[in-house]
Amino acid sequence: MPTLPAVLKLDNILVATDFSPASKMATRFAIDIARRHSAKLLLIHVASSQSEGPLMDAWRAGQAEIMDHLIAGRLTGIQHELLVKPGDVWGVLSELIRERAIDLVVVGTHGRTGVWKFIMGSVAEKIFRQAPCPVLIVGPSSSQDPEAGPQRILVPTGFAHQSLYAVRYAVWLAEQLQSALAVLHVVTDAGQLPPEEQERIRNQRLKRLRALIPEGARLPSTPEFLVEFGAATSQILETSATSNPNLIVLGLRPVEEVAQPEPAQAKAYEIVCKAPCPVLTVREPA
């Protein structure tokens, strides 16, 4: 099992933008992360047209956005670069992730959900589904202050391999950032059981959750463990609405295992789009 590094080090952060309000908010989060970790920020816009006019328009829009951040003092002292490239969005981004050794991708989403085929065109969804590195997605429901940092992290787990890795990652991140941590498990198959049986299951699952935190974890406070009953997506969203996390960590299956859309991906993307805070998606490295 791959080990996480002793220190959280982000050298290169890539933020994909279409200059929409959603992208502008994602850029604010990326700037704050780059500042806290002394990372280089790459702002990329991928244009569908290869003609000179649209490319120049995108370049001017990108320069204007950077100037706005410079005037506001947000980019002061942060190494940054604007890139405008034509082509397929994911094709361009995947090449950059590889060539520039990107540690984190940041993207905003307009939050289009629904039947899976209707969200396949979403740029954020393509990045979320295919990126090998962690991806921070800022949805339209996010009300977090970009400069506040992840003071409280929520990580759901169904005890599947990818969600167990998400817990490991969230514990590590909470240690690095000295964030409070809440671990959530949703029981999806016990809704019709009598209360006493639900309580038995709750206690059993709470014990399993507590066992996920390694001895000697350097957390700033005792983690909170939550067990809820119902549909996983709705319970995760309800919990995030009431427990006020600054960040949700979701574990995804390896890229090679999810070449085709599947219901689990659709549910995860719904969480990304509707969460009241940014969502960090992680995959265990090979």
C-alpha atoms as a PDB file:
ATOM      1  CA  MET A   1       0.000   0.000   0.000  1.00  0.00           C
ATOM      2  CA  PRO A   2       1.596   3.338  -1.061  1.00  0.00           C
ATOM      3  CA  THR A   3       2.521   5.605   1.823  1.00  0.00           C
ATOM      4  CA  LEU A   4       1.676   9.278   1.920  1.00  0.00           C
ATOM      5  CA  PRO A   5       4.614  11.709   2.113  1.00  0.00           C
ATOM      6  CA  ALA A   6       5.761  12.992   5.464  1.00  0.00           C
ATOM      7  CA  VAL A   7       5.037  16.582   4.436  1.00  0.00           C
ATOM      8  CA  LEU A   8       2.315  18.017   2.215  1.00  0.00           C
ATOM      9  CA  LYS A   9       4.196  19.641  -0.659  1.00  0.00           C
ATOM     10  CA  LEU A  10       2.433  21.260  -3.581  1.00  0.00           C
ATOM     11  CA  ASP A  11       4.795  22.602  -6.215  1.00  0.00           C
ATOM     12  CA  ASN A  12       2.503  23.052  -9.225  1.00  0.00           C
ATOM     13  CA  ILE A  13      -1.212  23.840  -9.163  1.00  0.00           C
ATOM     14  CA  LEU A  14      -3.282  23.885 -12.347  1.00  0.00           C
ATOM     15  CA  VAL A  15      -6.580  25.766 -12.459  1.00  0.00           C
ATOM     16  CA  ALA A  16      -8.786  25.298 -15.524  1.00  0.00           C
ATOM     17  CA  THR A  17     -10.971  28.276 -16.380  1.00  0.00           C
ATOM     18  CA  ASP A  18     -13.601  29.360 -18.862  1.00  0.00           C
ATOM     19  CA  PHE A  19     -13.710  32.824 -17.209  1.00  0.00           C
ATOM     20  CA  SER A  20     -17.208  32.157 -15.840  1.00  0.00           C
ATOM     21  CA  PRO A  21     -18.148  33.102 -12.244  1.00  0.00           C
ATOM     22  CA  ALA A  22     -17.718  29.435 -11.256  1.00  0.00           C
ATOM     23  CA  SER A  23     -14.197  29.402 -12.681  1.00  0.00           C
ATOM     24  CA  LYS A  24     -13.328  32.730 -11.086  1.00  0.00           C
ATOM     25  CA  MET A  25     -14.277  31.374  -7.664  1.00  0.00           C
ATOM     26  CA  ALA A  26     -12.196  28.247  -8.281  1.00  0.00           C
ATOM     27  CA  THR A  27      -9.259  30.492  -9.180  1.00  0.00           C
ATOM     28  CA  ARG A  28      -9.629  32.290  -5.845  1.00  0.00           C
ATOM     29  CA  PHE A  29      -9.287  28.948  -4.042  1.00  0.00           C
ATOM     30  CA  ALA A  30      -6.304  27.979  -6.200  1.00  0.00           C
ATOM     31  CA  ILE A  31      -4.562  31.283  -5.453  1.00  0.00           C
ATOM     32  CA  ASP A  32      -4.994  30.829  -1.713  1.00  0.00           C
ATOM     33  CA  ILE A  33      -3.655  27.255  -1.853  1.00  0.00           C
ATOM     34  CA  ALA A  34      -0.689  28.377  -3.966  1.00  0.00           C
ATOM     35  CA  ARG A  35       0.099  31.107  -1.446  1.00  0.00           C
ATOM     36  CA  ARG A  36      -0.058  28.789   1.582  1.00  0.00           C
ATOM     37  CA  HIS A  37       2.161  26.184  -0.084  1.00  0.00           C
ATOM     38  CA  SER A  38       4.513  28.477  -2.062  1.00  0.00           C
ATOM     39  CA  ALA A  39       3.390  26.723  -5.242  1.00  0.00           C
ATOM     40  CA  LYS A  40       3.431  27.863  -8.840  1.00  0.00           C
ATOM     41  CA  LEU A  41      -0.023  28.568 -10.271  1.00  0.00           C
ATOM     42  CA  LEU A  42      -0.851  27.725 -13.870  1.00  0.00           C
ATOM     43  CA  LEU A  43      -4.065  29.249 -15.195  1.00  0.00           C
ATOM     44  CA  ILE A  44      -5.213  27.424 -18.344  1.00  0.00           C
ATOM     45  CA  HIS A  45      -8.024  28.123 -20.772  1.00  0.00           C
ATOM     46  CA  VAL A  46      -8.641  25.592 -23.519  1.00  0.00           C
ATOM     47  CA  ALA A  47     -10.378  27.063 -26.575  1.00  0.00           C
ATOM     48  CA  SER A  48     -12.454  24.857 -28.833  1.00  0.00           C
ATOM     49  CA  SER A  49     -11.538  27.010 -31.850  1.00  0.00           C
ATOM     50  CA  GLN A  50      -8.065  27.186 -33.341  1.00  0.00           C
ATOM     51  CA  SER A  51      -8.726  30.444 -35.168  1.00  0.00           C
ATOM     52  CA  GLU A  52      -6.761  33.497 -34.102  1.00  0.00           C
ATOM     53  CA  GLY A  53      -9.741  35.639 -33.052  1.00  0.00           C
ATOM     54  CA  PRO A  54     -11.153  33.403 -30.279  1.00  0.00           C
ATOM     55  CA  LEU A  55      -7.650  32.596 -29.031  1.00  0.00           C
ATOM     56  CA  MET A  56      -6.767  36.301 -28.745  1.00  0.00           C
ATOM     57  CA  ASP A  57     -10.096  36.996 -27.005  1.00  0.00           C
ATOM     58  CA  ALA A  58      -9.349  34.241 -24.483  1.00  0.00           C
ATOM     59  CA  TRP A  59      -5.834  35.566 -23.976  1.00  0.00           C
ATOM     60  CA  ARG A  60      -7.139  39.069 -23.283  1.00  0.00           C
ATOM     61  CA  ALA A  61      -9.778  37.692 -20.878  1.00  0.00           C
ATOM     62  CA  GLY A  62      -7.098  35.724 -19.035  1.00  0.00           C
ATOM     63  CA  GLN A  63      -4.785  38.725 -18.808  1.00  0.00           C
ATOM     64  CA  ALA A  64      -7.657  40.855 -17.499  1.00  0.00           C
ATOM     65  CA  GLU A  65      -8.457  38.291 -14.797  1.00  0.00           C
ATOM     66  CA  ILE A  66      -4.819  38.081 -13.731  1.00  0.00           C
ATOM     67  CA  MET A  67      -4.625  41.878 -13.608  1.00  0.00           C
ATOM     68  CA  ASP A  68      -7.717  41.971 -11.383  1.00  0.00           C
ATOM     69  CA  HIS A  69      -6.042  39.566  -8.951  1.00  0.00           C
ATOM     70  CA  LEU A  70      -2.789  41.543  -9.044  1.00  0.00           C
ATOM     71  CA  ILE A  71      -4.587  44.820  -8.344  1.00  0.00           C
ATOM     72  CA  ALA A  72      -6.412  43.172  -5.433  1.00  0.00           C
ATOM     73  CA  GLY A  73      -3.066  41.933  -4.093  1.00  0.00           C
ATOM     74  CA  ARG A  74      -4.036  38.265  -4.308  1.00  0.00           C
ATOM     75  CA  LEU A  75      -1.242  37.223  -6.666  1.00  0.00           C
ATOM     76  CA  THR A  76       1.512  39.234  -5.015  1.00  0.00           C
ATOM     77  CA  GLY A  77       4.507  36.969  -4.458  1.00  0.00           C
ATOM     78  CA  ILE A  78       2.913  34.005  -6.235  1.00  0.00           C
ATOM     79  CA  GLN A  79       4.654  32.626  -9.299  1.00  0.00           C
ATOM     80  CA  HIS A  80       1.990  32.298 -11.994  1.00  0.00           C
ATOM     81  CA  GLU A  81       1.575  31.615 -15.682  1.00  0.00           C
ATOM     82  CA  LEU A  82      -1.316  32.032 -18.108  1.00  0.00           C
ATOM     83  CA  LEU A  83      -1.790  29.436 -20.831  1.00  0.00           C
ATOM     84  CA  VAL A  84      -4.304  29.572 -23.680  1.00  0.00           C
ATOM     85  CA  LYS A  85      -4.357  26.511 -25.899  1.00  0.00           C
ATOM     86  CA  PRO A  86      -6.710  25.175 -28.586  1.00  0.00           C
ATOM     87  CA  GLY A  87      -7.962  21.621 -28.620  1.00  0.00           C
ATOM     88  CA  ASP A  88      -9.888  19.074 -26.611  1.00  0.00           C
ATOM     89  CA  VAL A  89     -10.095  20.155 -22.987  1.00  0.00           C
ATOM     90  CA  TRP A  90      -9.120  16.888 -21.375  1.00  0.00           C
ATOM     91  CA  GLY A  91      -6.474  16.156 -24.013  1.00  0.00           C
ATOM     92  CA  VAL A  92      -4.747  19.459 -23.279  1.00  0.00           C
ATOM     93  CA  LEU A  93      -5.100  19.174 -19.501  1.00  0.00           C
ATOM     94  CA  SER A  94      -3.877  15.584 -19.297  1.00  0.00           C
ATOM     95  CA  GLU A  95      -0.765  16.547 -21.249  1.00  0.00           C
ATOM     96  CA  LEU A  96      -0.104  19.480 -18.921  1.00  0.00           C
ATOM     97  CA  ILE A  97      -0.632  17.335 -15.816  1.00  0.00           C
ATOM     98  CA  ARG A  98       2.044  14.988 -17.080  1.00  0.00           C
ATOM     99  CA  GLU A  99       4.504  17.525 -18.510  1.00  0.00           C
ATOM    100  CA  ARG A 100       4.337  20.048 -15.664  1.00  0.00           C
ATOM    101  CA  ALA A 101       4.178  17.490 -12.829  1.00  0.00           C
ATOM    102  CA  ILE A 102       0.890  18.942 -11.570  1.00  0.00           C
ATOM    103  CA  ASP A 103       0.172  18.144  -7.920  1.00  0.00           C
ATOM    104  CA  LEU A 104      -3.380  19.515  -7.784  1.00  0.00           C
ATOM    105  CA  VAL A 105      -6.024  20.501 -10.326  1.00  0.00           C
ATOM    106  CA  VAL A 106      -8.611  23.100  -9.337  1.00  0.00           C
ATOM    107  CA  VAL A 107     -11.792  23.608 -11.329  1.00  0.00           C
ATOM    108  CA  GLY A 108     -15.178  25.240 -10.889  1.00  0.00           C
ATOM    109  CA  THR A 109     -18.396  23.610 -11.994  1.00  0.00           C
ATOM    110  CA  HIS A 110     -21.750  25.082 -12.938  1.00  0.00           C
ATOM    111  CA  GLY A 111     -23.381  22.142 -11.178  1.00  0.00           C
ATOM    112  CA  ARG A 112     -25.229  20.502 -14.034  1.00  0.00           C
ATOM    113  CA  THR A 113     -26.486  17.161 -12.784  1.00  0.00           C
ATOM    114  CA  GLY A 114     -29.247  14.741 -13.659  1.00  0.00           C
ATOM    115  CA  VAL A 115     -29.243  11.759 -15.941  1.00  0.00           C
ATOM    116  CA  TRP A 116     -25.642  10.703 -16.540  1.00  0.00           C
ATOM    117  CA  LYS A 117     -25.672  11.348 -20.297  1.00  0.00           C
ATOM    118  CA  PHE A 118     -26.515  14.990 -19.729  1.00  0.00           C
ATOM    119  CA  ILE A 119     -23.438  15.655 -17.608  1.00  0.00           C
ATOM    120  CA  MET A 120     -20.933  13.891 -19.817  1.00  0.00           C
ATOM    121  CA  GLY A 121     -20.252  17.176 -21.595  1.00  0.00           C
ATOM    122  CA  SER A 122     -19.225  18.924 -18.395  1.00  0.00           C
ATOM    123  CA  VAL A 123     -15.574  19.933 -18.350  1.00  0.00           C
ATOM    124  CA  ALA A 124     -15.416  19.559 -14.576  1.00  0.00           C
ATOM    125  CA  GLU A 125     -16.893  16.060 -14.839  1.00  0.00           C
ATOM    126  CA  LYS A 126     -14.270  14.987 -17.374  1.00  0.00           C
ATOM    127  CA  ILE A 127     -11.473  16.219 -15.131  1.00  0.00           C
ATOM    128  CA  PHE A 128     -13.080  14.644 -12.066  1.00  0.00           C
ATOM    129  CA  ARG A 129     -13.488  11.312 -13.856  1.00  0.00           C
ATOM    130  CA  GLN A 130     -10.046  11.046 -15.467  1.00  0.00           C
ATOM    131  CA  ALA A 131      -7.423  13.026 -13.539  1.00  0.00           C
ATOM    132  CA  PRO A 132      -4.796  10.845 -11.822  1.00  0.00           C
ATOM    133  CA  CYS A 133      -3.886  13.578  -9.320  1.00  0.00           C
ATOM    134  CA  PRO A 134      -6.094  15.129  -6.624  1.00  0.00           C
ATOM    135  CA  VAL A 135      -8.775  17.472  -7.969  1.00  0.00           C
ATOM    136  CA  LEU A 136     -10.409  20.270  -5.994  1.00  0.00           C
ATOM    137  CA  ILE A 137     -13.849  21.063  -7.416  1.00  0.00           C
ATOM    138  CA  VAL A 138     -15.687  24.202  -6.359  1.00  0.00           C
ATOM    139  CA  GLY A 139     -19.412  23.828  -6.994  1.00  0.00           C
ATOM    140  CA  PRO A 140     -22.081  26.511  -7.285  1.00  0.00           C
ATOM    141  CA  SER A 141     -23.415  25.771  -3.785  1.00  0.00           C
ATOM    142  CA  SER A 142     -20.068  26.349  -2.100  1.00  0.00           C
ATOM    143  CA  SER A 143     -20.308  29.229   0.364  1.00  0.00           C
ATOM    144  CA  GLN A 144     -16.810  28.914   1.807  1.00  0.00           C
ATOM    145  CA  ASP A 145     -14.348  31.784   2.059  1.00  0.00           C
ATOM    146  CA  PRO A 146     -11.443  30.930  -0.296  1.00  0.00           C
ATOM    147  CA  GLU A 147      -8.969  32.363   2.216  1.00  0.00           C
ATOM    148  CA  ALA A 148     -10.300  30.472   5.242  1.00  0.00           C
ATOM    149  CA  GLY A 149      -8.566  27.188   4.514  1.00  0.00           C
ATOM    150  CA  PRO A 150      -9.905  23.728   5.389  1.00  0.00           C
ATOM    151  CA  GLN A 151     -10.485  24.163   9.115  1.00  0.00           C
ATOM    152  CA  ARG A 152     -12.891  21.189   9.198  1.00  0.00           C
ATOM    153  CA  ILE A 153     -12.692  18.174   6.884  1.00  0.00           C
ATOM    154  CA  LEU A 154     -15.505  15.686   6.247  1.00  0.00           C
ATOM    155  CA  VAL A 155     -14.693  12.317   4.699  1.00  0.00           C
ATOM    156  CA  PRO A 156     -17.420   9.764   3.872  1.00  0.00           C
ATOM    157  CA  THR A 157     -16.557   6.085   3.693  1.00  0.00           C
ATOM    158  CA  GLY A 158     -18.503   3.000   2.759  1.00  0.00           C
ATOM    159  CA  PHE A 159     -15.462   0.841   3.642  1.00  0.00           C
ATOM    160  CA  ALA A 160     -14.722   0.170  -0.033  1.00  0.00           C
ATOM    161  CA  HIS A 161     -11.039   0.301  -0.957  1.00  0.00           C
ATOM    162  CA  GLN A 162     -11.186   3.747  -2.555  1.00  0.00           C
ATOM    163  CA  SER A 163     -13.089   5.287   0.342  1.00  0.00           C
ATOM    164  CA  LEU A 164     -10.705   3.766   2.874  1.00  0.00           C
ATOM    165  CA  TYR A 165      -7.884   5.476   0.999  1.00  0.00           C
ATOM    166  CA  ALA A 166      -9.865   8.727   1.216  1.00  0.00           C
ATOM    167  CA  VAL A 167      -9.959   8.338   5.013  1.00  0.00           C
ATOM    168  CA  ARG A 168      -6.195   7.788   5.094  1.00  0.00           C
ATOM    169  CA  TYR A 169      -5.722  10.846   2.922  1.00  0.00           C
ATOM    170  CA  ALA A 170      -8.110  12.953   5.010  1.00  0.00           C
ATOM    171  CA  VAL A 171      -6.350  11.964   8.253  1.00  0.00           C
ATOM    172  CA  TRP A 172      -3.007  12.855   6.677  1.00  0.00           C
ATOM    173  CA  LEU A 173      -4.377  16.153   5.380  1.00  0.00           C
ATOM    174  CA  ALA A 174      -5.887  17.008   8.762  1.00  0.00           C
ATOM    175  CA  GLU A 175      -2.523  16.332  10.371  1.00  0.00           C
ATOM    176  CA  GLN A 176      -0.717  18.511   7.847  1.00  0.00           C
ATOM    177  CA  LEU A 177      -3.181  21.402   8.042  1.00  0.00           C
ATOM    178  CA  GLN A 178      -4.185  20.933  11.690  1.00  0.00           C
ATOM    179  CA  SER A 179      -7.837  20.646  10.682  1.00  0.00           C
ATOM    180  CA  ALA A 180     -10.701  19.117  12.619  1.00  0.00           C
ATOM    181  CA  LEU A 181     -11.866  15.824  11.108  1.00  0.00           C
ATOM    182  CA  ALA A 182     -15.272  14.151  10.813  1.00  0.00           C
ATOM    183  CA  VAL A 183     -15.649  10.626   9.387  1.00  0.00           C
ATOM    184  CA  LEU A 184     -19.065   9.652   8.042  1.00  0.00           C
ATOM    185  CA  HIS A 185     -20.535   6.258   7.175  1.00  0.00           C
ATOM    186  CA  VAL A 186     -23.990   5.894   5.624  1.00  0.00           C
ATOM    187  CA  VAL A 187     -25.871   2.637   6.130  1.00  0.00           C
ATOM    188  CA  THR A 188     -27.920   2.230   2.974  1.00  0.00           C
ATOM    189  CA  ASP A 189     -29.619  -1.123   3.575  1.00  0.00           C
ATOM    190  CA  ALA A 190     -31.170  -0.896   7.063  1.00  0.00           C
ATOM    191  CA  GLY A 191     -33.916   1.691   6.713  1.00  0.00           C
ATOM    192  CA  GLN A 192     -36.796  -0.662   7.607  1.00  0.00           C
ATOM    193  CA  LEU A 193     -35.166  -2.238  10.658  1.00  0.00           C
ATOM    194  CA  PRO A 194     -36.533  -1.555  14.156  1.00  0.00           C
ATOM    195  CA  PRO A 195     -34.794   1.187  16.154  1.00  0.00           C
ATOM    196  CA  GLU A 196     -32.954  -1.224  18.444  1.00  0.00           C
ATOM    197  CA  GLU A 197     -31.443  -3.047  15.460  1.00  0.00           C
ATOM    198  CA  GLN A 198     -30.433   0.251  13.866  1.00  0.00           C
ATOM    199  CA  GLU A 199     -28.746   1.230  17.115  1.00  0.00           C
ATOM    200  CA  ARG A 200     -26.845  -2.062  17.150  1.00  0.00           C
ATOM    201  CA  ILE A 201     -25.668  -1.456  13.604  1.00  0.00           C
ATOM    202  CA  ARG A 202     -24.765   2.144  14.432  1.00  0.00           C
ATOM    203  CA  ASN A 203     -22.552   1.055  17.332  1.00  0.00           C
ATOM    204  CA  GLN A 204     -20.935  -1.625  15.196  1.00  0.00           C
ATOM    205  CA  ARG A 205     -20.127   0.816  12.387  1.00  0.00           C
ATOM    206  CA  LEU A 206     -18.900   3.472  14.829  1.00  0.00           C
ATOM    207  CA  LYS A 207     -16.405   0.937  16.147  1.00  0.00           C
ATOM    208  CA  ARG A 208     -15.197   0.282  12.594  1.00  0.00           C
ATOM    209  CA  LEU A 209     -14.845   4.012  11.937  1.00  0.00           C
ATOM    210  CA  ARG A 210     -12.790   4.581  15.077  1.00  0.00           C
ATOM    211  CA  ALA A 211     -10.464   1.761  14.055  1.00  0.00           C
ATOM    212  CA  LEU A 212      -9.621   3.641  10.845  1.00  0.00           C
ATOM    213  CA  ILE A 213      -7.716   6.339  12.717  1.00  0.00           C
ATOM    214  CA  PRO A 214      -4.147   5.114  13.246  1.00  0.00           C
ATOM    215  CA  GLU A 215      -2.633   5.168  16.693  1.00  0.00           C
ATOM    216  CA  GLY A 216      -0.383   8.172  17.110  1.00  0.00           C
ATOM    217  CA  ALA A 217      -2.233  10.283  14.539  1.00  0.00           C
ATOM    218  CA  ARG A 218      -1.203  13.900  15.151  1.00  0.00           C
ATOM    219  CA  LEU A 219      -4.662  15.410  14.882  1.00  0.00           C
ATOM    220  CA  PRO A 220      -5.442  18.731  16.589  1.00  0.00           C
ATOM    221  CA  SER A 221      -8.638  17.372  18.128  1.00  0.00           C
ATOM    222  CA  THR A 222     -10.522  14.115  18.605  1.00  0.00           C
ATOM    223  CA  PRO A 223     -12.194  13.099  15.316  1.00  0.00           C
ATOM    224  CA  GLU A 224     -15.972  13.039  15.106  1.00  0.00           C
ATOM    225  CA  PHE A 225     -17.545   9.783  13.921  1.00  0.00           C
ATOM    226  CA  LEU A 226     -20.979   9.816  12.315  1.00  0.00           C
ATOM    227  CA  VAL A 227     -23.255   6.984  11.210  1.00  0.00           C
ATOM    228  CA  GLU A 228     -26.428   7.847   9.289  1.00  0.00           C
ATOM    229  CA  PHE A 229     -29.122   5.751   7.610  1.00  0.00           C
ATOM    230  CA  GLY A 230     -30.567   6.289   4.142  1.00  0.00           C
ATOM    231  CA  ALA A 231     -29.369   7.035   0.610  1.00  0.00           C
ATOM    232  CA  ALA A 232     -25.639   7.729   0.575  1.00  0.00           C
ATOM    233  CA  THR A 233     -25.714  10.846  -1.606  1.00  0.00           C
ATOM    234  CA  SER A 234     -28.519  12.606   0.244  1.00  0.00           C
ATOM    235  CA  GLN A 235     -27.098  11.732   3.673  1.00  0.00           C
ATOM    236  CA  ILE A 236     -23.640  12.994   2.746  1.00  0.00           C
ATOM    237  CA  LEU A 237     -25.144  16.253   1.500  1.00  0.00           C
ATOM    238  CA  GLU A 238     -27.378  16.603   4.572  1.00  0.00           C
ATOM    239  CA  THR A 239     -24.445  15.973   6.891  1.00  0.00           C
ATOM    240  CA  SER A 240     -22.279  18.481   5.040  1.00  0.00           C
ATOM    241  CA  ALA A 241     -25.069  21.038   5.357  1.00  0.00           C
ATOM    242  CA  THR A 242     -25.368  20.590   9.128  1.00  0.00           C
ATOM    243  CA  SER A 243     -21.760  19.914  10.177  1.00  0.00           C
ATOM    244  CA  ASN A 244     -20.297  22.854   8.213  1.00  0.00           C
ATOM    245  CA  PRO A 245     -17.100  21.348   6.793  1.00  0.00           C
ATOM    246  CA  ASN A 246     -14.737  23.532   4.775  1.00  0.00           C
ATOM    247  CA  LEU A 247     -13.730  20.552   2.657  1.00  0.00           C
ATOM    248  CA  ILE A 248     -15.121  17.134   1.701  1.00  0.00           C
ATOM    249  CA  VAL A 249     -12.689  14.400   0.666  1.00  0.00           C
ATOM    250  CA  LEU A 250     -14.015  11.725  -1.713  1.00  0.00           C
ATOM    251  CA  GLY A 251     -12.124   8.616  -2.781  1.00  0.00           C
ATOM    252  CA  LEU A 252     -12.417   7.545  -6.422  1.00  0.00           C
ATOM    253  CA  ARG A 253     -11.586   4.284  -8.100  1.00  0.00           C
ATOM    254  CA  PRO A 254      -8.413   4.111 -10.260  1.00  0.00           C
ATOM    255  CA  VAL A 255      -8.772   5.747 -13.663  1.00  0.00           C
ATOM    256  CA  GLU A 256      -8.285   2.472 -15.528  1.00  0.00           C
ATOM    257  CA  GLU A 257     -11.276   0.981 -13.707  1.00  0.00           C
ATOM    258  CA  VAL A 258     -13.710   3.739 -14.671  1.00  0.00           C
ATOM    259  CA  ALA A 259     -13.263   4.162 -18.397  1.00  0.00           C
ATOM    260  CA  GLN A 260     -17.035   4.025 -18.748  1.00  0.00           C
ATOM    261  CA  PRO A 261     -19.609   5.970 -16.697  1.00  0.00           C
ATOM    262  CA  GLU A 262     -21.164   4.134 -13.792  1.00  0.00           C
ATOM    263  CA  PRO A 263     -23.830   4.955 -11.169  1.00  0.00           C
ATOM    264  CA  ALA A 264     -21.231   5.409  -8.393  1.00  0.00           C
ATOM    265  CA  GLN A 265     -19.520   8.119 -10.426  1.00  0.00           C
ATOM    266  CA  ALA A 266     -22.803   9.886 -11.055  1.00  0.00           C
ATOM    267  CA  LYS A 267     -23.533   9.908  -7.313  1.00  0.00           C
ATOM    268  CA  ALA A 268     -20.079  11.228  -6.509  1.00  0.00           C
ATOM    269  CA  TYR A 269     -20.419  13.962  -9.098  1.00  0.00           C
ATOM    270  CA  GLU A 270     -23.803  14.941  -7.662  1.00  0.00           C
ATOM    271  CA  ILE A 271     -22.104  15.441  -4.302  1.00  0.00           C
ATOM    272  CA  VAL A 272     -19.433  17.551  -5.991  1.00  0.00           C
ATOM    273  CA  CYS A 273     -22.065  19.754  -7.610  1.00  0.00           C
ATOM    274  CA  LYS A 274     -24.350  20.199  -4.597  1.00  0.00           C
ATOM    275  CA  ALA A 275     -21.934  20.310  -1.664  1.00  0.00           C
ATOM    276  CA  PRO A 276     -21.836  23.536   0.388  1.00  0.00           C
ATOM    277  CA  CYS A 277     -18.035  23.483   0.297  1.00  0.00           C
ATOM    278  CA  PRO A 278     -15.298  22.447  -2.143  1.00  0.00           C
ATOM    279  CA  VAL A 279     -14.759  18.726  -2.711  1.00  0.00           C
ATOM    280  CA  LEU A 280     -11.333  17.131  -3.049  1.00  0.00           C
ATOM    281  CA  THR A 281     -11.300  13.913  -5.047  1.00  0.00           C
ATOM    282  CA  VAL A 282      -8.367  11.562  -4.542  1.00  0.00           C
ATOM    283  CA  ARG A 283      -7.183   8.302  -6.054  1.00  0.00           C
ATOM    284  CA  GLU A 284      -4.709   5.915  -4.503  1.00  0.00           C
ATOM    285  CA  PRO A 285      -1.524   5.947  -6.574  1.00  0.00           C
ATOM    286  CA  ALA A 286      -0.600   2.727  -8.332  1.00  0.00           C
END
